[in-house]
PDB file of N, CA and C in Angstrom:
ATOM      1  N   MET A   1      -2.265  23.799  -5.327  1.00  0.00           N
ATOM      2  CA  MET A   1      -2.123  23.683  -6.758  1.00  0.00           C
ATOM      3  C   MET A   1      -2.819  24.875  -7.400  1.00  0.00           C
ATOM      4  N   LEU A   2      -2.158  25.472  -8.326  1.00  0.00           N
ATOM      5  CA  LEU A   2      -2.719  26.595  -9.039  1.00  0.00           C
ATOM      6  C   LEU A   2      -2.761  26.269 -10.523  1.00  0.00           C
ATOM      7  N   GLY A   3      -3.887  26.553 -11.154  1.00  0.00           N
ATOM      8  CA  GLY A   3      -4.012  26.327 -12.584  1.00  0.00           C
ATOM      9  C   GLY A   3      -3.414  27.476 -13.383  1.00  0.00           C
ATOM     10  N   GLU A   4      -3.462  27.355 -14.691  1.00  0.00           N
ATOM     11  CA  GLU A   4      -2.958  28.413 -15.556  1.00  0.00           C
ATOM     12  C   GLU A   4      -3.744  29.700 -15.320  1.00  0.00           C
ATOM     13  N   ARG A   5      -3.038  30.825 -15.261  1.00  0.00           N
ATOM     14  CA  ARG A   5      -3.676  32.110 -15.019  1.00  0.00           C
ATOM     15  C   ARG A   5      -3.215  33.126 -16.046  1.00  0.00           C
ATOM     16  N   TYR A   6      -3.993  34.168 -16.185  1.00  0.00           N
ATOM     17  CA  TYR A   6      -3.635  35.246 -17.098  1.00  0.00           C
ATOM     18  C   TYR A   6      -3.342  36.506 -16.305  1.00  0.00           C
ATOM     19  N   SER A   7      -2.243  37.154 -16.618  1.00  0.00           N
ATOM     20  CA  SER A   7      -1.879  38.422 -16.004  1.00  0.00           C
ATOM     21  C   SER A   7      -1.804  39.464 -17.111  1.00  0.00           C
ATOM     22  N   SER A   8      -2.405  40.612 -16.908  1.00  0.00           N
ATOM     23  CA  SER A   8      -2.358  41.655 -17.930  1.00  0.00           C
ATOM     24  C   SER A   8      -0.932  42.183 -18.113  1.00  0.00           C
ATOM     25  N   THR A   9      -0.078  41.972 -17.120  1.00  0.00           N
ATOM     26  CA  THR A   9       1.306  42.426 -17.209  1.00  0.00           C
ATOM     27  C   THR A   9       2.207  41.417 -17.905  1.00  0.00           C
ATOM     28  N   TYR A  10       2.069  40.108 -17.571  1.00  0.00           N
ATOM     29  CA  TYR A  10       2.996  39.097 -18.056  1.00  0.00           C
ATOM     30  C   TYR A  10       2.386  38.067 -19.008  1.00  0.00           C
ATOM     31  N   GLY A  11       1.099  38.143 -19.275  1.00  0.00           N
ATOM     32  CA  GLY A  11       0.457  37.152 -20.133  1.00  0.00           C
ATOM     33  C   GLY A  11       0.069  35.919 -19.339  1.00  0.00           C
ATOM     34  N   TYR A  12       0.091  34.750 -19.997  1.00  0.00           N
ATOM     35  CA  TYR A  12      -0.319  33.512 -19.331  1.00  0.00           C
ATOM     36  C   TYR A  12       0.810  32.951 -18.493  1.00  0.00           C
ATOM     37  N   ALA A  13       0.482  32.553 -17.278  1.00  0.00           N
ATOM     38  CA  ALA A  13       1.428  31.907 -16.372  1.00  0.00           C
ATOM     39  C   ALA A  13       1.058  30.427 -16.307  1.00  0.00           C
ATOM     40  N   PRO A  14       2.032  29.535 -16.383  1.00  0.00           N
ATOM     41  CA  PRO A  14       1.726  28.105 -16.367  1.00  0.00           C
ATOM     42  C   PRO A  14       1.197  27.643 -15.009  1.00  0.00           C
ATOM     43  N   ALA A  15       0.575  26.476 -15.013  1.00  0.00           N
ATOM     44  CA  ALA A  15       0.080  25.888 -13.765  1.00  0.00           C
ATOM     45  C   ALA A  15       1.258  25.623 -12.838  1.00  0.00           C
ATOM     46  N   TYR A  16       0.988  25.607 -11.552  1.00  0.00           N
ATOM     47  CA  TYR A  16       2.054  25.478 -10.579  1.00  0.00           C
ATOM     48  C   TYR A  16       1.538  24.686  -9.386  1.00  0.00           C
ATOM     49  N   SER A  17       2.343  23.780  -8.860  1.00  0.00           N
ATOM     50  CA  SER A  17       1.944  23.049  -7.659  1.00  0.00           C
ATOM     51  C   SER A  17       3.139  22.891  -6.737  1.00  0.00           C
ATOM     52  N   GLN A  18       2.844  22.864  -5.457  1.00  0.00           N
ATOM     53  CA  GLN A  18       3.882  22.643  -4.454  1.00  0.00           C
ATOM     54  C   GLN A  18       3.313  21.668  -3.443  1.00  0.00           C
ATOM     55  N   TRP A  19       4.059  20.622  -3.125  1.00  0.00           N
ATOM     56  CA  TRP A  19       3.589  19.587  -2.210  1.00  0.00           C
ATOM     57  C   TRP A  19       4.371  19.650  -0.902  1.00  0.00           C
ATOM     58  N   ASP A  20       3.638  19.562   0.199  1.00  0.00           N
ATOM     59  CA  ASP A  20       4.230  19.558   1.536  1.00  0.00           C
ATOM     60  C   ASP A  20       3.818  18.274   2.247  1.00  0.00           C
ATOM     61  N   LEU A  21       4.621  17.855   3.204  1.00  0.00           N
ATOM     62  CA  LEU A  21       4.323  16.664   3.988  1.00  0.00           C
ATOM     63  C   LEU A  21       4.657  16.983   5.436  1.00  0.00           C
ATOM     64  N   ASN A  22       3.712  16.708   6.354  1.00  0.00           N
ATOM     65  CA  ASN A  22       3.998  16.950   7.769  1.00  0.00           C
ATOM     66  C   ASN A  22       3.228  15.982   8.646  1.00  0.00           C
ATOM     67  N   THR A  23       3.707  15.829   9.853  1.00  0.00           N
ATOM     68  CA  THR A  23       3.035  14.984  10.832  1.00  0.00           C
ATOM     69  C   THR A  23       3.173  15.628  12.210  1.00  0.00           C
ATOM     70  N   LYS A  24       2.171  15.422  13.042  1.00  0.00           N
ATOM     71  CA  LYS A  24       2.163  15.966  14.402  1.00  0.00           C
ATOM     72  C   LYS A  24       1.513  14.928  15.313  1.00  0.00           C
ATOM     73  N   HIS A  25       2.040  14.772  16.493  1.00  0.00           N
ATOM     74  CA  HIS A  25       1.517  13.793  17.440  1.00  0.00           C
ATOM     75  C   HIS A  25       1.268  14.466  18.782  1.00  0.00           C
ATOM     76  N   THR A  26       0.335  13.919  19.543  1.00  0.00           N
ATOM     77  CA  THR A  26       0.006  14.468  20.855  1.00  0.00           C
ATOM     78  C   THR A  26       0.402  13.477  21.936  1.00  0.00           C
ATOM     79  N   ILE A  27       1.149  13.978  22.915  1.00  0.00           N
ATOM     80  CA  ILE A  27       1.578  13.167  24.056  1.00  0.00           C
ATOM     81  C   ILE A  27       1.043  13.845  25.318  1.00  0.00           C
ATOM     82  N   ALA A  28       0.067  13.201  25.953  1.00  0.00           N
ATOM     83  CA  ALA A  28      -0.551  13.772  27.161  1.00  0.00           C
ATOM     84  C   ALA A  28       0.181  13.264  28.394  1.00  0.00           C
ATOM     85  N   LEU A  29       0.710  14.198  29.171  1.00  0.00           N
ATOM     86  CA  LEU A  29       1.356  13.870  30.438  1.00  0.00           C
ATOM     87  C   LEU A  29       0.466  14.370  31.574  1.00  0.00           C
ATOM     88  N   LYS A  30       0.870  14.190  32.820  1.00  0.00           N
ATOM     89  CA  LYS A  30       0.020  14.552  33.957  1.00  0.00           C
ATOM     90  C   LYS A  30      -0.393  16.015  33.962  1.00  0.00           C
ATOM     91  N   SER A  31       0.569  16.921  33.903  1.00  0.00           N
ATOM     92  CA  SER A  31       0.230  18.334  34.049  1.00  0.00           C
ATOM     93  C   SER A  31       0.352  19.150  32.757  1.00  0.00           C
ATOM     94  N   PHE A  32       0.803  18.538  31.673  1.00  0.00           N
ATOM     95  CA  PHE A  32       0.905  19.267  30.411  1.00  0.00           C
ATOM     96  C   PHE A  32       0.856  18.312  29.225  1.00  0.00           C
ATOM     97  N   THR A  33       0.733  18.864  28.058  1.00  0.00           N
ATOM     98  CA  THR A  33       0.652  18.094  26.820  1.00  0.00           C
ATOM     99  C   THR A  33       1.748  18.555  25.867  1.00  0.00           C
ATOM    100  N   LEU A  34       2.409  17.616  25.234  1.00  0.00           N
ATOM    101  CA  LEU A  34       3.434  17.909  24.233  1.00  0.00           C
ATOM    102  C   LEU A  34       2.906  17.544  22.851  1.00  0.00           C
ATOM    103  N   GLU A  35       3.188  18.376  21.867  1.00  0.00           N
ATOM    104  CA  GLU A  35       2.822  18.087  20.483  1.00  0.00           C
ATOM    105  C   GLU A  35       4.039  18.287  19.587  1.00  0.00           C
ATOM    106  N   PRO A  36       4.883  17.248  19.447  1.00  0.00           N
ATOM    107  CA  PRO A  36       6.024  17.368  18.543  1.00  0.00           C
ATOM    108  C   PRO A  36       5.572  17.191  17.093  1.00  0.00           C
ATOM    109  N   GLY A  37       6.255  17.867  16.190  1.00  0.00           N
ATOM    110  CA  GLY A  37       5.931  17.756  14.771  1.00  0.00           C
ATOM    111  C   GLY A  37       7.183  17.822  13.914  1.00  0.00           C
ATOM    112  N   ILE A  38       7.070  17.332  12.706  1.00  0.00           N
ATOM    113  CA  ILE A  38       8.167  17.371  11.737  1.00  0.00           C
ATOM    114  C   ILE A  38       7.557  17.480  10.343  1.00  0.00           C
ATOM    115  N   GLY A  39       8.239  18.137   9.441  1.00  0.00           N
ATOM    116  CA  GLY A  39       7.685  18.273   8.101  1.00  0.00           C
ATOM    117  C   GLY A  39       8.702  18.677   7.059  1.00  0.00           C
ATOM    118  N   ILE A  40       8.290  18.552   5.818  1.00  0.00           N
ATOM    119  CA  ILE A  40       9.085  18.968   4.665  1.00  0.00           C
ATOM    120  C   ILE A  40       8.173  19.808   3.779  1.00  0.00           C
ATOM    121  N   GLU A  41       8.613  21.006   3.447  1.00  0.00           N
ATOM    122  CA  GLU A  41       7.878  21.856   2.509  1.00  0.00           C
ATOM    123  C   GLU A  41       8.526  21.735   1.141  1.00  0.00           C
ATOM    124  N   ASN A  42       7.698  21.680   0.101  1.00  0.00           N
ATOM    125  CA  ASN A  42       8.172  21.602  -1.274  1.00  0.00           C
ATOM    126  C   ASN A  42       8.988  20.325  -1.492  1.00  0.00           C
ATOM    127  N   ILE A  43       8.375  19.162  -1.242  1.00  0.00           N
ATOM    128  CA  ILE A  43       9.107  17.892  -1.265  1.00  0.00           C
ATOM    129  C   ILE A  43       9.698  17.542  -2.625  1.00  0.00           C
ATOM    130  N   PHE A  44       9.149  18.062  -3.716  1.00  0.00           N
ATOM    131  CA  PHE A  44       9.694  17.780  -5.043  1.00  0.00           C
ATOM    132  C   PHE A  44      10.661  18.864  -5.512  1.00  0.00           C
ATOM    133  N   ASN A  45      11.011  19.792  -4.614  1.00  0.00           N
ATOM    134  CA  ASN A  45      11.994  20.846  -4.879  1.00  0.00           C
ATOM    135  C   ASN A  45      11.636  21.697  -6.097  1.00  0.00           C
ATOM    136  N   LYS A  46      10.352  22.003  -6.253  1.00  0.00           N
ATOM    137  CA  LYS A  46       9.884  22.837  -7.356  1.00  0.00           C
ATOM    138  C   LYS A  46      10.306  24.273  -7.125  1.00  0.00           C
ATOM    139  N   ARG A  47      10.900  24.900  -8.126  1.00  0.00           N
ATOM    140  CA  ARG A  47      11.308  26.305  -8.033  1.00  0.00           C
ATOM    141  C   ARG A  47      10.585  27.094  -9.099  1.00  0.00           C
ATOM    142  N   ASP A  48       9.959  28.152  -8.680  1.00  0.00           N
ATOM    143  CA  ASP A  48       9.258  29.037  -9.611  1.00  0.00           C
ATOM    144  C   ASP A  48      10.205  30.177  -9.965  1.00  0.00           C
ATOM    145  N   THR A  49      10.664  30.195 -11.190  1.00  0.00           N
ATOM    146  CA  THR A  49      11.633  31.209 -11.616  1.00  0.00           C
ATOM    147  C   THR A  49      10.970  32.345 -12.382  1.00  0.00           C
ATOM    148  N   SER A  50       9.651  32.448 -12.280  1.00  0.00           N
ATOM    149  CA  SER A  50       8.929  33.533 -12.944  1.00  0.00           C
ATOM    150  C   SER A  50       9.303  34.867 -12.323  1.00  0.00           C
ATOM    151  N   TYR A  51       9.011  35.927 -13.041  1.00  0.00           N
ATOM    152  CA  TYR A  51       9.192  37.255 -12.472  1.00  0.00           C
ATOM    153  C   TYR A  51       8.313  37.389 -11.248  1.00  0.00           C
ATOM    154  N   TRP A  52       8.744  38.172 -10.289  1.00  0.00           N
ATOM    155  CA  TRP A  52       7.999  38.354  -9.050  1.00  0.00           C
ATOM    156  C   TRP A  52       6.559  38.760  -9.343  1.00  0.00           C
ATOM    157  N   ASN A  53       5.617  38.056  -8.744  1.00  0.00           N
ATOM    158  CA  ASN A  53       4.185  38.313  -8.823  1.00  0.00           C
ATOM    159  C   ASN A  53       3.569  37.963 -10.178  1.00  0.00           C
ATOM    160  N   SER A  54       4.317  37.358 -11.082  1.00  0.00           N
ATOM    161  CA  SER A  54       3.717  36.988 -12.360  1.00  0.00           C
ATOM    162  C   SER A  54       3.035  35.633 -12.280  1.00  0.00           C
ATOM    163  N   ASN A  55       3.463  34.777 -11.375  1.00  0.00           N
ATOM    164  CA  ASN A  55       2.884  33.448 -11.232  1.00  0.00           C
ATOM    165  C   ASN A  55       2.694  33.136  -9.750  1.00  0.00           C
ATOM    166  N   PHE A  56       2.383  34.154  -8.985  1.00  0.00           N
ATOM    167  CA  PHE A  56       2.345  34.014  -7.537  1.00  0.00           C
ATOM    168  C   PHE A  56       3.662  33.424  -7.056  1.00  0.00           C
ATOM    169  N   SER A  57       4.757  33.808  -7.710  1.00  0.00           N
ATOM    170  CA  SER A  57       6.068  33.260  -7.378  1.00  0.00           C
ATOM    171  C   SER A  57       6.494  33.708  -5.995  1.00  0.00           C
ATOM    172  N   THR A  58       7.390  32.960  -5.433  1.00  0.00           N
ATOM    173  CA  THR A  58       7.906  33.273  -4.106  1.00  0.00           C
ATOM    174  C   THR A  58       9.426  33.319  -4.167  1.00  0.00           C
ATOM    175  N   VAL A  59      10.017  33.725  -3.080  1.00  0.00           N
ATOM    176  CA  VAL A  59      11.465  33.725  -2.998  1.00  0.00           C
ATOM    177  C   VAL A  59      11.956  32.437  -2.331  1.00  0.00           C
ATOM    178  N   ASN A  60      11.104  31.431  -2.274  1.00  0.00           N
ATOM    179  CA  ASN A  60      11.443  30.142  -1.695  1.00  0.00           C
ATOM    180  C   ASN A  60      12.597  29.512  -2.463  1.00  0.00           C
ATOM    181  N   PRO A  61      13.701  29.166  -1.792  1.00  0.00           N
ATOM    182  CA  PRO A  61      14.850  28.599  -2.488  1.00  0.00           C
ATOM    183  C   PRO A  61      14.672  27.138  -2.875  1.00  0.00           C
ATOM    184  N   GLY A  62      13.591  26.512  -2.489  1.00  0.00           N
ATOM    185  CA  GLY A  62      13.387  25.088  -2.801  1.00  0.00           C
ATOM    186  C   GLY A  62      12.911  24.346  -1.574  1.00  0.00           C
ATOM    187  N   ARG A  63      13.322  23.086  -1.457  1.00  0.00           N
ATOM    188  CA  ARG A  63      12.887  22.215  -0.371  1.00  0.00           C
ATOM    189  C   ARG A  63      13.379  22.733   0.982  1.00  0.00           C
ATOM    190  N   ALA A  64      12.543  22.578   2.017  1.00  0.00           N
ATOM    191  CA  ALA A  64      12.909  22.991   3.367  1.00  0.00           C
ATOM    192  C   ALA A  64      12.290  22.035   4.389  1.00  0.00           C
ATOM    193  N   GLY A  65      13.035  21.715   5.412  1.00  0.00           N
ATOM    194  CA  GLY A  65      12.540  20.862   6.481  1.00  0.00           C
ATOM    195  C   GLY A  65      12.374  21.668   7.751  1.00  0.00           C
ATOM    196  N   TYR A  66      11.536  21.179   8.657  1.00  0.00           N
ATOM    197  CA  TYR A  66      11.336  21.869   9.927  1.00  0.00           C
ATOM    198  C   TYR A  66      10.898  20.892  10.999  1.00  0.00           C
ATOM    199  N   VAL A  67      11.112  21.283  12.239  1.00  0.00           N
ATOM    200  CA  VAL A  67      10.615  20.542  13.402  1.00  0.00           C
ATOM    201  C   VAL A  67       9.900  21.553  14.302  1.00  0.00           C
ATOM    202  N   SER A  68       8.942  21.077  15.081  1.00  0.00           N
ATOM    203  CA  SER A  68       8.204  21.969  15.968  1.00  0.00           C
ATOM    204  C   SER A  68       7.886  21.237  17.272  1.00  0.00           C
ATOM    205  N   LEU A  69       7.638  22.027  18.290  1.00  0.00           N
ATOM    206  CA  LEU A  69       7.213  21.484  19.579  1.00  0.00           C
ATOM    207  C   LEU A  69       6.242  22.475  20.218  1.00  0.00           C
ATOM    208  N   LYS A  70       5.032  22.010  20.470  1.00  0.00           N
ATOM    209  CA  LYS A  70       4.021  22.820  21.141  1.00  0.00           C
ATOM    210  C   LYS A  70       3.815  22.244  22.535  1.00  0.00           C
ATOM    211  N   VAL A  71       3.856  23.108  23.537  1.00  0.00           N
ATOM    212  CA  VAL A  71       3.669  22.688  24.922  1.00  0.00           C
ATOM    213  C   VAL A  71       2.424  23.374  25.473  1.00  0.00           C
ATOM    214  N   LYS A  72       1.454  22.584  25.952  1.00  0.00           N
ATOM    215  CA  LYS A  72       0.244  23.121  26.576  1.00  0.00           C
ATOM    216  C   LYS A  72       0.285  22.780  28.064  1.00  0.00           C
ATOM    217  N   TYR A  73       0.029  23.776  28.873  1.00  0.00           N
ATOM    218  CA  TYR A  73       0.007  23.530  30.325  1.00  0.00           C
ATOM    219  C   TYR A  73      -1.122  24.263  30.982  1.00  0.00           C
TER     220      TYR A  73
END
């Protein structure tokens, strides 16, 4: 979460927040460990349409999901 900020180039930028949700679990097997994960970035689909770098804006198109798998051996 970012509060209101002032930029000498663009003036005041409004507050901005982005919420993510993720989970990861550990599965221990005999010779290795698995850590599967799943998540959603930007769950409320917030889009920052400010000029680049005026509000720490990004080129993020909105909500995105992902899955991951970490293997330790």
